[in-house]
ModelCIF file with pLDDT and N, C-alpha, C, O atoms, coordinates in Angstrom:
data_MODEL
#
_entry.id   MODEL 
#
_entity.id                         1 
_entity.type                       polymer 
_entity.pdbx_number_of_molecules   1 
#
_entity_poly.entity_id                      1 
_entity_poly.type                           'polypeptide(L)' 
_entity_poly.nstd_linkage                   no 
_entity_poly.nstd_monomer                   no 
_entity_poly.pdbx_seq_one_letter_code       DKNTVYLQMNSLKPEDTAVYHCNGGPPGGGDYGLDIPYDYWGQGTQVS 
_entity_poly.pdbx_seq_one_letter_code_can   DKNTVYLQMNSLKPEDTAVYHCNGGPPGGGDYGLDIPYDYWGQGTQVS 
_entity_poly.pdbx_strand_id                 A 
#
loop_
_entity_poly_seq.entity_id 
_entity_poly_seq.num 
_entity_poly_seq.mon_id 
_entity_poly_seq.hetero 
1 1  ASP n 
1 2  LYS n 
1 3  ASN n 
1 4  THR n 
1 5  VAL n 
1 6  TYR n 
1 7  LEU n 
1 8  GLN n 
1 9  MET n 
1 10 ASN n 
1 11 SER n 
1 12 LEU n 
1 13 LYS n 
1 14 PRO n 
1 15 GLU n 
1 16 ASP n 
1 17 THR n 
1 18 ALA n 
1 19 VAL n 
1 20 TYR n 
1 21 HIS n 
1 22 CYS n 
1 23 ASN n 
1 24 GLY n 
1 25 GLY n 
1 26 PRO n 
1 27 PRO n 
1 28 GLY n 
1 29 GLY n 
1 30 GLY n 
1 31 ASP n 
1 32 TYR n 
1 33 GLY n 
1 34 LEU n 
1 35 ASP n 
1 36 ILE n 
1 37 PRO n 
1 38 TYR n 
1 39 ASP n 
1 40 TYR n 
1 41 TRP n 
1 42 GLY n 
1 43 GLN n 
1 44 GLY n 
1 45 THR n 
1 46 GLN n 
1 47 VAL n 
1 48 SER n 
#
_struct_asym.id          A 
_struct_asym.entity_id   1 
#
loop_
_ma_qa_metric.id 
_ma_qa_metric.mode 
_ma_qa_metric.name 
_ma_qa_metric.software_group_id 
_ma_qa_metric.type 
1 global pLDDT . pLDDT 
2 local  pLDDT . pLDDT 
#
_ma_qa_metric_global.metric_id      1 
_ma_qa_metric_global.metric_value   93.98 
_ma_qa_metric_global.model_id       1 
_ma_qa_metric_global.ordinal_id     1 
#
loop_
_ma_qa_metric_local.label_asym_id 
_ma_qa_metric_local.label_comp_id 
_ma_qa_metric_local.label_seq_id 
_ma_qa_metric_local.metric_id 
_ma_qa_metric_local.metric_value 
_ma_qa_metric_local.model_id 
_ma_qa_metric_local.ordinal_id 
A ASP 1  2 79.00 1 1  
A LYS 2  2 81.00 1 2  
A ASN 3  2 87.00 1 3  
A THR 4  2 91.00 1 4  
A VAL 5  2 94.00 1 5  
A TYR 6  2 96.00 1 6  
A LEU 7  2 98.00 1 7  
A GLN 8  2 98.00 1 8  
A MET 9  2 98.00 1 9  
A ASN 10 2 98.00 1 10 
A SER 11 2 98.00 1 11 
A LEU 12 2 98.00 1 12 
A LYS 13 2 98.00 1 13 
A PRO 14 2 97.00 1 14 
A GLU 15 2 97.00 1 15 
A ASP 16 2 98.00 1 16 
A THR 17 2 98.00 1 17 
A ALA 18 2 98.00 1 18 
A VAL 19 2 98.00 1 19 
A TYR 20 2 98.00 1 20 
A HIS 21 2 98.00 1 21 
A CYS 22 2 97.00 1 22 
A ASN 23 2 96.00 1 23 
A GLY 24 2 94.00 1 24 
A GLY 25 2 91.00 1 25 
A PRO 26 2 88.00 1 26 
A PRO 27 2 84.00 1 27 
A GLY 28 2 85.00 1 28 
A GLY 29 2 89.00 1 29 
A GLY 30 2 92.00 1 30 
A ASP 31 2 91.00 1 31 
A TYR 32 2 91.00 1 32 
A GLY 33 2 88.00 1 33 
A LEU 34 2 90.00 1 34 
A ASP 35 2 89.00 1 35 
A ILE 36 2 94.00 1 36 
A PRO 37 2 95.00 1 37 
A TYR 38 2 94.00 1 38 
A ASP 39 2 93.00 1 39 
A TYR 40 2 95.00 1 40 
A TRP 41 2 96.00 1 41 
A GLY 42 2 97.00 1 42 
A GLN 43 2 97.00 1 43 
A GLY 44 2 97.00 1 44 
A THR 45 2 98.00 1 45 
A GLN 46 2 98.00 1 46 
A VAL 47 2 98.00 1 47 
A SER 48 2 98.00 1 48 
#
loop_
_atom_site.group_PDB 
_atom_site.id 
_atom_site.type_symbol 
_atom_site.label_atom_id 
_atom_site.label_alt_id 
_atom_site.label_comp_id 
_atom_site.label_asym_id 
_atom_site.label_entity_id 
_atom_site.label_seq_id 
_atom_site.pdbx_PDB_ins_code 
_atom_site.Cartn_x 
_atom_site.Cartn_y 
_atom_site.Cartn_z 
_atom_site.occupancy 
_atom_site.B_iso_or_equiv 
_atom_site.pdbx_formal_charge 
_atom_site.auth_seq_id 
_atom_site.auth_comp_id 
_atom_site.auth_asym_id 
_atom_site.auth_atom_id 
_atom_site.pdbx_PDB_model_num 
ATOM 1   N N  . ASP A 1 1  ? -13.074 1.952   12.583 1.00 79.00 ? 1  ASP A N  1 
ATOM 2   C CA . ASP A 1 1  ? -14.336 2.688   12.561 1.00 79.00 ? 1  ASP A CA 1 
ATOM 3   C C  . ASP A 1 1  ? -14.528 3.418   11.237 1.00 79.00 ? 1  ASP A C  1 
ATOM 4   O O  . ASP A 1 1  ? -15.658 3.589   10.781 1.00 79.00 ? 1  ASP A O  1 
ATOM 5   N N  . LYS A 1 2  ? -13.438 3.846   10.622 1.00 81.00 ? 2  LYS A N  1 
ATOM 6   C CA . LYS A 1 2  ? -13.502 4.575   9.361  1.00 81.00 ? 2  LYS A CA 1 
ATOM 7   C C  . LYS A 1 2  ? -13.141 3.712   8.161  1.00 81.00 ? 2  LYS A C  1 
ATOM 8   O O  . LYS A 1 2  ? -13.111 4.202   7.032  1.00 81.00 ? 2  LYS A O  1 
ATOM 9   N N  . ASN A 1 3  ? -12.866 2.426   8.394  1.00 87.00 ? 3  ASN A N  1 
ATOM 10  C CA . ASN A 1 3  ? -12.459 1.526   7.322  1.00 87.00 ? 3  ASN A CA 1 
ATOM 11  C C  . ASN A 1 3  ? -11.312 2.126   6.513  1.00 87.00 ? 3  ASN A C  1 
ATOM 12  O O  . ASN A 1 3  ? -11.342 2.144   5.283  1.00 87.00 ? 3  ASN A O  1 
ATOM 13  N N  . THR A 1 4  ? -10.320 2.606   7.216  1.00 91.00 ? 4  THR A N  1 
ATOM 14  C CA . THR A 1 4  ? -9.225  3.329   6.593  1.00 91.00 ? 4  THR A CA 1 
ATOM 15  C C  . THR A 1 4  ? -7.887  2.828   7.130  1.00 91.00 ? 4  THR A C  1 
ATOM 16  O O  . THR A 1 4  ? -7.746  2.548   8.320  1.00 91.00 ? 4  THR A O  1 
ATOM 17  N N  . VAL A 1 5  ? -6.920  2.722   6.241  1.00 94.00 ? 5  VAL A N  1 
ATOM 18  C CA . VAL A 1 5  ? -5.557  2.417   6.632  1.00 94.00 ? 5  VAL A CA 1 
ATOM 19  C C  . VAL A 1 5  ? -4.693  3.614   6.257  1.00 94.00 ? 5  VAL A C  1 
ATOM 20  O O  . VAL A 1 5  ? -4.921  4.263   5.236  1.00 94.00 ? 5  VAL A O  1 
ATOM 21  N N  . TYR A 1 6  ? -3.698  3.900   7.097  1.00 96.00 ? 6  TYR A N  1 
ATOM 22  C CA . TYR A 1 6  ? -2.850  5.058   6.918  1.00 96.00 ? 6  TYR A CA 1 
ATOM 23  C C  . TYR A 1 6  ? -1.399  4.641   6.767  1.00 96.00 ? 6  TYR A C  1 
ATOM 24  O O  . TYR A 1 6  ? -0.986  3.581   7.237  1.00 96.00 ? 6  TYR A O  1 
ATOM 25  N N  . LEU A 1 7  ? -0.647  5.485   6.109  1.00 98.00 ? 7  LEU A N  1 
ATOM 26  C CA . LEU A 1 7  ? 0.797   5.345   6.065  1.00 98.00 ? 7  LEU A CA 1 
ATOM 27  C C  . LEU A 1 7  ? 1.400   6.699   6.399  1.00 98.00 ? 7  LEU A C  1 
ATOM 28  O O  . LEU A 1 7  ? 1.390   7.616   5.577  1.00 98.00 ? 7  LEU A O  1 
ATOM 29  N N  . GLN A 1 8  ? 1.921   6.815   7.608  1.00 98.00 ? 8  GLN A N  1 
ATOM 30  C CA . GLN A 1 8  ? 2.617   8.018   8.026  1.00 98.00 ? 8  GLN A CA 1 
ATOM 31  C C  . GLN A 1 8  ? 4.060   7.914   7.567  1.00 98.00 ? 8  GLN A C  1 
ATOM 32  O O  . GLN A 1 8  ? 4.763   6.971   7.928  1.00 98.00 ? 8  GLN A O  1 
ATOM 33  N N  . MET A 1 9  ? 4.503   8.874   6.777  1.00 98.00 ? 9  MET A N  1 
ATOM 34  C CA . MET A 1 9  ? 5.833   8.854   6.195  1.00 98.00 ? 9  MET A CA 1 
ATOM 35  C C  . MET A 1 9  ? 6.609   10.050  6.724  1.00 98.00 ? 9  MET A C  1 
ATOM 36  O O  . MET A 1 9  ? 6.277   11.200  6.435  1.00 98.00 ? 9  MET A O  1 
ATOM 37  N N  . ASN A 1 10 ? 7.636   9.768   7.493  1.00 98.00 ? 10 ASN A N  1 
ATOM 38  C CA . ASN A 1 10 ? 8.495   10.800  8.053  1.00 98.00 ? 10 ASN A CA 1 
ATOM 39  C C  . ASN A 1 10 ? 9.897   10.665  7.484  1.00 98.00 ? 10 ASN A C  1 
ATOM 40  O O  . ASN A 1 10 ? 10.251  9.642   6.899  1.00 98.00 ? 10 ASN A O  1 
ATOM 41  N N  . SER A 1 11 ? 10.683  11.712  7.664  1.00 98.00 ? 11 SER A N  1 
ATOM 42  C CA . SER A 1 11 ? 12.075  11.719  7.201  1.00 98.00 ? 11 SER A CA 1 
ATOM 43  C C  . SER A 1 11 ? 12.171  11.281  5.745  1.00 98.00 ? 11 SER A C  1 
ATOM 44  O O  . SER A 1 11 ? 12.979  10.421  5.396  1.00 98.00 ? 11 SER A O  1 
ATOM 45  N N  . LEU A 1 12 ? 11.356  11.869  4.920  1.00 98.00 ? 12 LEU A N  1 
ATOM 46  C CA . LEU A 1 12 ? 11.270  11.460  3.518  1.00 98.00 ? 12 LEU A CA 1 
ATOM 47  C C  . LEU A 1 12 ? 12.583  11.708  2.791  1.00 98.00 ? 12 LEU A C  1 
ATOM 48  O O  . LEU A 1 12 ? 13.297  12.676  3.053  1.00 98.00 ? 12 LEU A O  1 
ATOM 49  N N  . LYS A 1 13 ? 12.872  10.803  1.874  1.00 98.00 ? 13 LYS A N  1 
ATOM 50  C CA . LYS A 1 13 ? 14.067  10.864  1.044  1.00 98.00 ? 13 LYS A CA 1 
ATOM 51  C C  . LYS A 1 13 ? 13.664  10.909  -0.421 1.00 98.00 ? 13 LYS A C  1 
ATOM 52  O O  . LYS A 1 13 ? 12.573  10.460  -0.774 1.00 98.00 ? 13 LYS A O  1 
ATOM 53  N N  . PRO A 1 14 ? 14.527  11.444  -1.283 1.00 97.00 ? 14 PRO A N  1 
ATOM 54  C CA . PRO A 1 14 ? 14.200  11.441  -2.712 1.00 97.00 ? 14 PRO A CA 1 
ATOM 55  C C  . PRO A 1 14 ? 13.881  10.056  -3.248 1.00 97.00 ? 14 PRO A C  1 
ATOM 56  O O  . PRO A 1 14 ? 13.046  9.924   -4.143 1.00 97.00 ? 14 PRO A O  1 
ATOM 57  N N  . GLU A 1 15 ? 14.524  9.022   -2.725 1.00 97.00 ? 15 GLU A N  1 
ATOM 58  C CA . GLU A 1 15 ? 14.264  7.673   -3.193 1.00 97.00 ? 15 GLU A CA 1 
ATOM 59  C C  . GLU A 1 15 ? 12.895  7.141   -2.788 1.00 97.00 ? 15 GLU A C  1 
ATOM 60  O O  . GLU A 1 15 ? 12.497  6.066   -3.238 1.00 97.00 ? 15 GLU A O  1 
ATOM 61  N N  . ASP A 1 16 ? 12.169  7.870   -1.949 1.00 98.00 ? 16 ASP A N  1 
ATOM 62  C CA . ASP A 1 16 ? 10.787  7.513   -1.631 1.00 98.00 ? 16 ASP A CA 1 
ATOM 63  C C  . ASP A 1 16 ? 9.820   7.942   -2.723 1.00 98.00 ? 16 ASP A C  1 
ATOM 64  O O  . ASP A 1 16 ? 8.646   7.571   -2.686 1.00 98.00 ? 16 ASP A O  1 
ATOM 65  N N  . THR A 1 17 ? 10.287  8.709   -3.685 1.00 98.00 ? 17 THR A N  1 
ATOM 66  C CA . THR A 1 17 ? 9.438   9.164   -4.780 1.00 98.00 ? 17 THR A CA 1 
ATOM 67  C C  . THR A 1 17 ? 8.889   7.970   -5.554 1.00 98.00 ? 17 THR A C  1 
ATOM 68  O O  . THR A 1 17 ? 9.652   7.139   -6.047 1.00 98.00 ? 17 THR A O  1 
ATOM 69  N N  . ALA A 1 18 ? 7.572   7.889   -5.657 1.00 98.00 ? 18 ALA A N  1 
ATOM 70  C CA . ALA A 1 18 ? 6.923   6.758   -6.318 1.00 98.00 ? 18 ALA A CA 1 
ATOM 71  C C  . ALA A 1 18 ? 5.421   6.994   -6.327 1.00 98.00 ? 18 ALA A C  1 
ATOM 72  O O  . ALA A 1 18 ? 4.916   7.907   -5.675 1.00 98.00 ? 18 ALA A O  1 
ATOM 73  N N  . VAL A 1 19 ? 4.722   6.158   -7.072 1.00 98.00 ? 19 VAL A N  1 
ATOM 74  C CA . VAL A 1 19 ? 3.284   6.052   -6.939 1.00 98.00 ? 19 VAL A CA 1 
ATOM 75  C C  . VAL A 1 19 ? 3.003   5.009   -5.867 1.00 98.00 ? 19 VAL A C  1 
ATOM 76  O O  . VAL A 1 19 ? 3.482   3.877   -5.950 1.00 98.00 ? 19 VAL A O  1 
ATOM 77  N N  . TYR A 1 20 ? 2.234   5.390   -4.872 1.00 98.00 ? 20 TYR A N  1 
ATOM 78  C CA . TYR A 1 20 ? 1.912   4.507   -3.764 1.00 98.00 ? 20 TYR A CA 1 
ATOM 79  C C  . TYR A 1 20 ? 0.498   3.964   -3.944 1.00 98.00 ? 20 TYR A C  1 
ATOM 80  O O  . TYR A 1 20 ? -0.450  4.720   -4.152 1.00 98.00 ? 20 TYR A O  1 
ATOM 81  N N  . HIS A 1 21 ? 0.375   2.644   -3.860 1.00 98.00 ? 21 HIS A N  1 
ATOM 82  C CA . HIS A 1 21 ? -0.901  1.960   -4.044 1.00 98.00 ? 21 HIS A CA 1 
ATOM 83  C C  . HIS A 1 21 ? -1.291  1.218   -2.775 1.00 98.00 ? 21 HIS A C  1 
ATOM 84  O O  . HIS A 1 21 ? -0.476  0.520   -2.172 1.00 98.00 ? 21 HIS A O  1 
ATOM 85  N N  . CYS A 1 22 ? -2.533  1.377   -2.385 1.00 97.00 ? 22 CYS A N  1 
ATOM 86  C CA . CYS A 1 22 ? -3.108  0.589   -1.309 1.00 97.00 ? 22 CYS A CA 1 
ATOM 87  C C  . CYS A 1 22 ? -3.525  -0.776  -1.850 1.00 97.00 ? 22 CYS A C  1 
ATOM 88  O O  . CYS A 1 22 ? -3.978  -0.887  -2.990 1.00 97.00 ? 22 CYS A O  1 
ATOM 89  N N  . ASN A 1 23 ? -3.372  -1.806  -1.031 1.00 96.00 ? 23 ASN A N  1 
ATOM 90  C CA . ASN A 1 23 ? -3.694  -3.170  -1.435 1.00 96.00 ? 23 ASN A CA 1 
ATOM 91  C C  . ASN A 1 23 ? -4.340  -3.898  -0.267 1.00 96.00 ? 23 ASN A C  1 
ATOM 92  O O  . ASN A 1 23 ? -4.009  -3.645  0.891  1.00 96.00 ? 23 ASN A O  1 
ATOM 93  N N  . GLY A 1 24 ? -5.264  -4.803  -0.574 1.00 94.00 ? 24 GLY A N  1 
ATOM 94  C CA . GLY A 1 24 ? -5.883  -5.598  0.468  1.00 94.00 ? 24 GLY A CA 1 
ATOM 95  C C  . GLY A 1 24 ? -6.722  -6.714  -0.103 1.00 94.00 ? 24 GLY A C  1 
ATOM 96  O O  . GLY A 1 24 ? -6.931  -6.792  -1.314 1.00 94.00 ? 24 GLY A O  1 
ATOM 97  N N  . GLY A 1 25 ? -7.208  -7.592  0.783  1.00 91.00 ? 25 GLY A N  1 
ATOM 98  C CA . GLY A 1 25 ? -8.044  -8.682  0.322  1.00 91.00 ? 25 GLY A CA 1 
ATOM 99  C C  . GLY A 1 25 ? -8.381  -9.665  1.419  1.00 91.00 ? 25 GLY A C  1 
ATOM 100 O O  . GLY A 1 25 ? -7.983  -9.496  2.571  1.00 91.00 ? 25 GLY A O  1 
ATOM 101 N N  . PRO A 1 26 ? -9.124  -10.703 1.043  1.00 88.00 ? 26 PRO A N  1 
ATOM 102 C CA . PRO A 1 26 ? -9.601  -11.688 2.006  1.00 88.00 ? 26 PRO A CA 1 
ATOM 103 C C  . PRO A 1 26 ? -8.531  -12.702 2.359  1.00 88.00 ? 26 PRO A C  1 
ATOM 104 O O  . PRO A 1 26 ? -7.498  -12.779 1.695  1.00 88.00 ? 26 PRO A O  1 
ATOM 105 N N  . PRO A 1 27 ? -8.776  -13.481 3.405  1.00 84.00 ? 27 PRO A N  1 
ATOM 106 C CA . PRO A 1 27 ? -7.834  -14.542 3.763  1.00 84.00 ? 27 PRO A CA 1 
ATOM 107 C C  . PRO A 1 27 ? -7.589  -15.478 2.592  1.00 84.00 ? 27 PRO A C  1 
ATOM 108 O O  . PRO A 1 27 ? -8.516  -15.843 1.869  1.00 84.00 ? 27 PRO A O  1 
ATOM 109 N N  . GLY A 1 28 ? -6.344  -15.860 2.416  1.00 85.00 ? 28 GLY A N  1 
ATOM 110 C CA . GLY A 1 28 ? -5.979  -16.756 1.340  1.00 85.00 ? 28 GLY A CA 1 
ATOM 111 C C  . GLY A 1 28 ? -5.771  -16.100 -0.001 1.00 85.00 ? 28 GLY A C  1 
ATOM 112 O O  . GLY A 1 28 ? -5.360  -16.757 -0.957 1.00 85.00 ? 28 GLY A O  1 
ATOM 113 N N  . GLY A 1 29 ? -6.053  -14.795 -0.091 1.00 89.00 ? 29 GLY A N  1 
ATOM 114 C CA . GLY A 1 29 ? -5.947  -14.105 -1.362 1.00 89.00 ? 29 GLY A CA 1 
ATOM 115 C C  . GLY A 1 29 ? -4.578  -13.583 -1.700 1.00 89.00 ? 29 GLY A C  1 
ATOM 116 O O  . GLY A 1 29 ? -4.369  -13.069 -2.799 1.00 89.00 ? 29 GLY A O  1 
ATOM 117 N N  . GLY A 1 30 ? -3.654  -13.697 -0.803 1.00 92.00 ? 30 GLY A N  1 
ATOM 118 C CA . GLY A 1 30 ? -2.304  -13.229 -1.024 1.00 92.00 ? 30 GLY A CA 1 
ATOM 119 C C  . GLY A 1 30 ? -1.419  -13.629 0.132  1.00 92.00 ? 30 GLY A C  1 
ATOM 120 O O  . GLY A 1 30 ? -1.842  -14.342 1.042  1.00 92.00 ? 30 GLY A O  1 
ATOM 121 N N  . ASP A 1 31 ? -0.204  -13.169 0.087  1.00 91.00 ? 31 ASP A N  1 
ATOM 122 C CA . ASP A 1 31 ? 0.748   -13.444 1.161  1.00 91.00 ? 31 ASP A CA 1 
ATOM 123 C C  . ASP A 1 31 ? 1.833   -12.384 1.099  1.00 91.00 ? 31 ASP A C  1 
ATOM 124 O O  . ASP A 1 31 ? 2.735   -12.462 0.265  1.00 91.00 ? 31 ASP A O  1 
ATOM 125 N N  . TYR A 1 32 ? 1.750   -11.393 1.976  1.00 91.00 ? 32 TYR A N  1 
ATOM 126 C CA . TYR A 1 32 ? 2.735   -10.323 1.952  1.00 91.00 ? 32 TYR A CA 1 
ATOM 127 C C  . TYR A 1 32 ? 4.133   -10.834 2.268  1.00 91.00 ? 32 TYR A C  1 
ATOM 128 O O  . TYR A 1 32 ? 5.126   -10.292 1.784  1.00 91.00 ? 32 TYR A O  1 
ATOM 129 N N  . GLY A 1 33 ? 4.203   -11.877 3.081  1.00 88.00 ? 33 GLY A N  1 
ATOM 130 C CA . GLY A 1 33 ? 5.505   -12.451 3.402  1.00 88.00 ? 33 GLY A CA 1 
ATOM 131 C C  . GLY A 1 33 ? 6.216   -13.040 2.193  1.00 88.00 ? 33 GLY A C  1 
ATOM 132 O O  . GLY A 1 33 ? 7.445   -13.097 2.157  1.00 88.00 ? 33 GLY A O  1 
ATOM 133 N N  . LEU A 1 34 ? 5.447   -13.478 1.207  1.00 90.00 ? 34 LEU A N  1 
ATOM 134 C CA . LEU A 1 34 ? 5.994   -14.018 -0.031 1.00 90.00 ? 34 LEU A CA 1 
ATOM 135 C C  . LEU A 1 34 ? 5.889   -13.021 -1.173 1.00 90.00 ? 34 LEU A C  1 
ATOM 136 O O  . LEU A 1 34 ? 6.100   -13.382 -2.331 1.00 90.00 ? 34 LEU A O  1 
ATOM 137 N N  . ASP A 1 35 ? 5.568   -11.781 -0.866 1.00 89.00 ? 35 ASP A N  1 
ATOM 138 C CA . ASP A 1 35 ? 5.417   -10.710 -1.843 1.00 89.00 ? 35 ASP A CA 1 
ATOM 139 C C  . ASP A 1 35 ? 4.342   -11.043 -2.874 1.00 89.00 ? 35 ASP A C  1 
ATOM 140 O O  . ASP A 1 35 ? 4.504   -10.770 -4.063 1.00 89.00 ? 35 ASP A O  1 
ATOM 141 N N  . ILE A 1 36 ? 3.250   -11.632 -2.410 1.00 94.00 ? 36 ILE A N  1 
ATOM 142 C CA . ILE A 1 36 ? 2.094   -11.905 -3.256 1.00 94.00 ? 36 ILE A CA 1 
ATOM 143 C C  . ILE A 1 36 ? 0.978   -10.964 -2.820 1.00 94.00 ? 36 ILE A C  1 
ATOM 144 O O  . ILE A 1 36 ? 0.432   -11.137 -1.731 1.00 94.00 ? 36 ILE A O  1 
ATOM 145 N N  . PRO A 1 37 ? 0.622   -9.974  -3.637 1.00 95.00 ? 37 PRO A N  1 
ATOM 146 C CA . PRO A 1 37 ? -0.402  -9.023  -3.212 1.00 95.00 ? 37 PRO A CA 1 
ATOM 147 C C  . PRO A 1 37 ? -1.790  -9.644  -3.180 1.00 95.00 ? 37 PRO A C  1 
ATOM 148 O O  . PRO A 1 37 ? -2.037  -10.680 -3.798 1.00 95.00 ? 37 PRO A O  1 
ATOM 149 N N  . TYR A 1 38 ? -2.685  -9.002  -2.456 1.00 94.00 ? 38 TYR A N  1 
ATOM 150 C CA . TYR A 1 38 ? -4.068  -9.425  -2.379 1.00 94.00 ? 38 TYR A CA 1 
ATOM 151 C C  . TYR A 1 38 ? -4.872  -8.863  -3.558 1.00 94.00 ? 38 TYR A C  1 
ATOM 152 O O  . TYR A 1 38 ? -4.324  -8.195  -4.435 1.00 94.00 ? 38 TYR A O  1 
ATOM 153 N N  . ASP A 1 39 ? -6.171  -9.142  -3.563 1.00 93.00 ? 39 ASP A N  1 
ATOM 154 C CA . ASP A 1 39 ? -6.973  -8.959  -4.772 1.00 93.00 ? 39 ASP A CA 1 
ATOM 155 C C  . ASP A 1 39 ? -7.263  -7.513  -5.144 1.00 93.00 ? 39 ASP A C  1 
ATOM 156 O O  . ASP A 1 39 ? -7.393  -7.196  -6.326 1.00 93.00 ? 39 ASP A O  1 
ATOM 157 N N  . TYR A 1 40 ? -7.365  -6.639  -4.163 1.00 95.00 ? 40 TYR A N  1 
ATOM 158 C CA . TYR A 1 40 ? -7.897  -5.308  -4.413 1.00 95.00 ? 40 TYR A CA 1 
ATOM 159 C C  . TYR A 1 40 ? -6.810  -4.248  -4.367 1.00 95.00 ? 40 TYR A C  1 
ATOM 160 O O  . TYR A 1 40 ? -5.922  -4.273  -3.514 1.00 95.00 ? 40 TYR A O  1 
ATOM 161 N N  . TRP A 1 41 ? -6.906  -3.303  -5.318 1.00 96.00 ? 41 TRP A N  1 
ATOM 162 C CA . TRP A 1 41 ? -5.930  -2.228  -5.458 1.00 96.00 ? 41 TRP A CA 1 
ATOM 163 C C  . TRP A 1 41 ? -6.624  -0.879  -5.542 1.00 96.00 ? 41 TRP A C  1 
ATOM 164 O O  . TRP A 1 41 ? -7.697  -0.750  -6.132 1.00 96.00 ? 41 TRP A O  1 
ATOM 165 N N  . GLY A 1 42 ? -6.000  0.112   -4.949 1.00 97.00 ? 42 GLY A N  1 
ATOM 166 C CA . GLY A 1 42 ? -6.379  1.479   -5.219 1.00 97.00 ? 42 GLY A CA 1 
ATOM 167 C C  . GLY A 1 42 ? -5.701  1.977   -6.484 1.00 97.00 ? 42 GLY A C  1 
ATOM 168 O O  . GLY A 1 42 ? -4.818  1.312   -7.025 1.00 97.00 ? 42 GLY A O  1 
ATOM 169 N N  . GLN A 1 43 ? -6.109  3.133   -6.948 1.00 97.00 ? 43 GLN A N  1 
ATOM 170 C CA . GLN A 1 43 ? -5.563  3.677   -8.187 1.00 97.00 ? 43 GLN A CA 1 
ATOM 171 C C  . GLN A 1 43 ? -4.232  4.380   -7.998 1.00 97.00 ? 43 GLN A C  1 
ATOM 172 O O  . GLN A 1 43 ? -3.555  4.690   -8.978 1.00 97.00 ? 43 GLN A O  1 
ATOM 173 N N  . GLY A 1 44 ? -3.852  4.631   -6.778 1.00 97.00 ? 44 GLY A N  1 
ATOM 174 C CA . GLY A 1 44 ? -2.540  5.171   -6.507 1.00 97.00 ? 44 GLY A CA 1 
ATOM 175 C C  . GLY A 1 44 ? -2.540  6.662   -6.219 1.00 97.00 ? 44 GLY A C  1 
ATOM 176 O O  . GLY A 1 44 ? -3.420  7.401   -6.660 1.00 97.00 ? 44 GLY A O  1 
ATOM 177 N N  . THR A 1 45 ? -1.540  7.081   -5.475 1.00 98.00 ? 45 THR A N  1 
ATOM 178 C CA . THR A 1 45 ? -1.319  8.487   -5.195 1.00 98.00 ? 45 THR A CA 1 
ATOM 179 C C  . THR A 1 45 ? 0.175   8.774   -5.328 1.00 98.00 ? 45 THR A C  1 
ATOM 180 O O  . THR A 1 45 ? 1.009   8.021   -4.823 1.00 98.00 ? 45 THR A O  1 
ATOM 181 N N  . GLN A 1 46 ? 0.500   9.861   -6.006 1.00 98.00 ? 46 GLN A N  1 
ATOM 182 C CA . GLN A 1 46 ? 1.888   10.196  -6.290 1.00 98.00 ? 46 GLN A CA 1 
ATOM 183 C C  . GLN A 1 46 ? 2.534   10.870  -5.093 1.00 98.00 ? 46 GLN A C  1 
ATOM 184 O O  . GLN A 1 46 ? 1.978   11.804  -4.515 1.00 98.00 ? 46 GLN A O  1 
ATOM 185 N N  . VAL A 1 47 ? 3.716   10.386  -4.728 1.00 98.00 ? 47 VAL A N  1 
ATOM 186 C CA . VAL A 1 47 ? 4.552   11.017  -3.721 1.00 98.00 ? 47 VAL A CA 1 
ATOM 187 C C  . VAL A 1 47 ? 5.852   11.427  -4.398 1.00 98.00 ? 47 VAL A C  1 
ATOM 188 O O  . VAL A 1 47 ? 6.538   10.597  -4.994 1.00 98.00 ? 47 VAL A O  1 
ATOM 189 N N  . SER A 1 48 ? 6.186   12.707  -4.304 1.00 98.00 ? 48 SER A N  1 
ATOM 190 C CA . SER A 1 48 ? 7.402   13.228  -4.905 1.00 98.00 ? 48 SER A CA 1 
ATOM 191 C C  . SER A 1 48 ? 8.211   13.943  -3.842 1.00 98.00 ? 48 SER A C  1 
ATOM 192 O O  . SER A 1 48 ? 9.287   14.465  -4.133 1.00 98.00 ? 48 SER A O  1 
#
């Protein structure tokens, strides 16, 4: 309804520190199972 995807992160560890990017796209545009991202990217949000 909100066209939004969430990532709830619990029990955070220092090794989780990174820039996190949202990714998505149409059918055939990628394959997460083969580590091939889809066409669209967000600009990222820093998690420290």
